[in-house]
Protein backbone atom coordinates (compact mmCIF):
# COMPACT_ATOMS: atom_id res chain seq x y z
CA MET A 1 -106.93 39.68 39.77
CA SER A 2 -108.13 42.76 37.95
CA GLY A 3 -108.04 43.19 34.18
CA ASP A 4 -105.21 45.71 34.56
CA ALA A 5 -102.99 43.42 36.63
CA ILE A 6 -100.04 41.85 34.88
CA ALA A 7 -98.51 38.66 36.25
CA ASN A 8 -94.74 38.50 36.40
CA TYR A 9 -93.54 34.95 35.89
CA ARG A 10 -89.95 35.80 35.07
CA LEU A 11 -87.37 33.72 36.82
CA GLU A 12 -84.41 36.04 36.93
CA SER A 13 -81.88 34.35 39.15
CA PRO A 14 -80.48 30.85 39.54
CA ALA A 15 -82.15 30.74 42.96
CA ASP A 16 -85.53 31.53 41.33
CA LEU A 17 -84.99 28.75 38.81
CA GLN A 18 -83.99 26.29 41.55
CA THR A 19 -87.05 27.18 43.62
CA TYR A 20 -89.29 26.69 40.60
CA LEU A 21 -87.67 23.33 39.81
CA ASP A 22 -88.07 22.23 43.43
CA LEU A 23 -91.76 23.13 43.32
CA LEU A 24 -92.27 21.25 40.05
CA LEU A 25 -90.53 18.16 41.44
CA ALA A 26 -92.61 18.31 44.63
CA GLU A 27 -95.78 18.53 42.55
CA GLN A 28 -94.73 15.58 40.39
CA SER A 29 -93.96 13.53 43.49
CA ALA A 30 -97.36 14.33 45.02
CA ILE A 31 -99.10 13.31 41.80
CA GLU A 32 -97.22 10.01 41.67
CA ARG A 33 -98.08 9.23 45.31
CA ALA A 34 -101.74 9.98 44.63
CA ARG A 35 -101.74 7.74 41.52
CA PHE A 36 -100.12 4.93 43.53
CA MET A 37 -102.57 5.15 46.42
CA THR A 38 -105.53 5.35 44.04
CA ALA A 39 -104.33 2.16 42.34
CA VAL A 40 -103.94 0.41 45.70
CA ILE A 41 -107.47 1.39 46.70
CA ARG A 42 -108.90 0.27 43.35
CA GLY A 43 -107.12 -3.07 43.70
CA ALA A 44 -108.52 -3.56 47.18
CA GLU A 45 -112.00 -2.62 45.98
CA ALA A 46 -111.74 -5.10 43.11
CA ALA A 47 -110.73 -7.88 45.51
CA ILE A 48 -113.61 -7.07 47.84
CA LEU A 49 -116.09 -7.03 44.95
CA GLU A 50 -114.70 -10.44 43.96
CA GLU A 51 -115.54 -11.48 47.52
CA ALA A 52 -111.92 -12.06 48.50
CA GLN A 53 -111.72 -12.68 52.21
CA ASP A 54 -108.05 -13.24 52.79
CA HIS A 55 -105.47 -10.51 53.11
CA VAL A 56 -103.09 -12.18 50.64
CA ARG A 57 -105.62 -12.03 47.79
CA ILE A 58 -106.43 -8.40 48.53
CA GLU A 59 -102.72 -7.52 48.44
CA GLN A 60 -102.35 -9.42 45.16
CA ARG A 61 -105.12 -7.34 43.58
CA GLU A 62 -103.56 -4.15 44.94
CA LEU A 63 -100.22 -5.08 43.41
CA GLU A 64 -101.84 -5.96 40.09
CA ALA A 65 -103.51 -2.56 40.02
CA VAL A 66 -100.23 -0.77 40.75
CA ILE A 67 -98.36 -2.76 38.10
CA SER A 68 -101.04 -1.92 35.53
CA LEU A 69 -100.55 1.84 35.95
CA PRO A 70 -99.49 3.51 32.70
CA LYS A 71 -95.90 4.68 32.74
């Protein structure tokens, strides 16, 4: 973008506002899914580092990690 370019972020119609809201909600949902999956992976890693060898223990650590996510 050049120094002379001016961005227009005006949302002039209800349809523009709805589109913007939909995009914000989609972004929030993607962020929440990523946080959830990251917690699951960290829980699994913790269980493996603790030398857990049964699936139940790995799932427990995954759940603990998800529950510990800040709200």
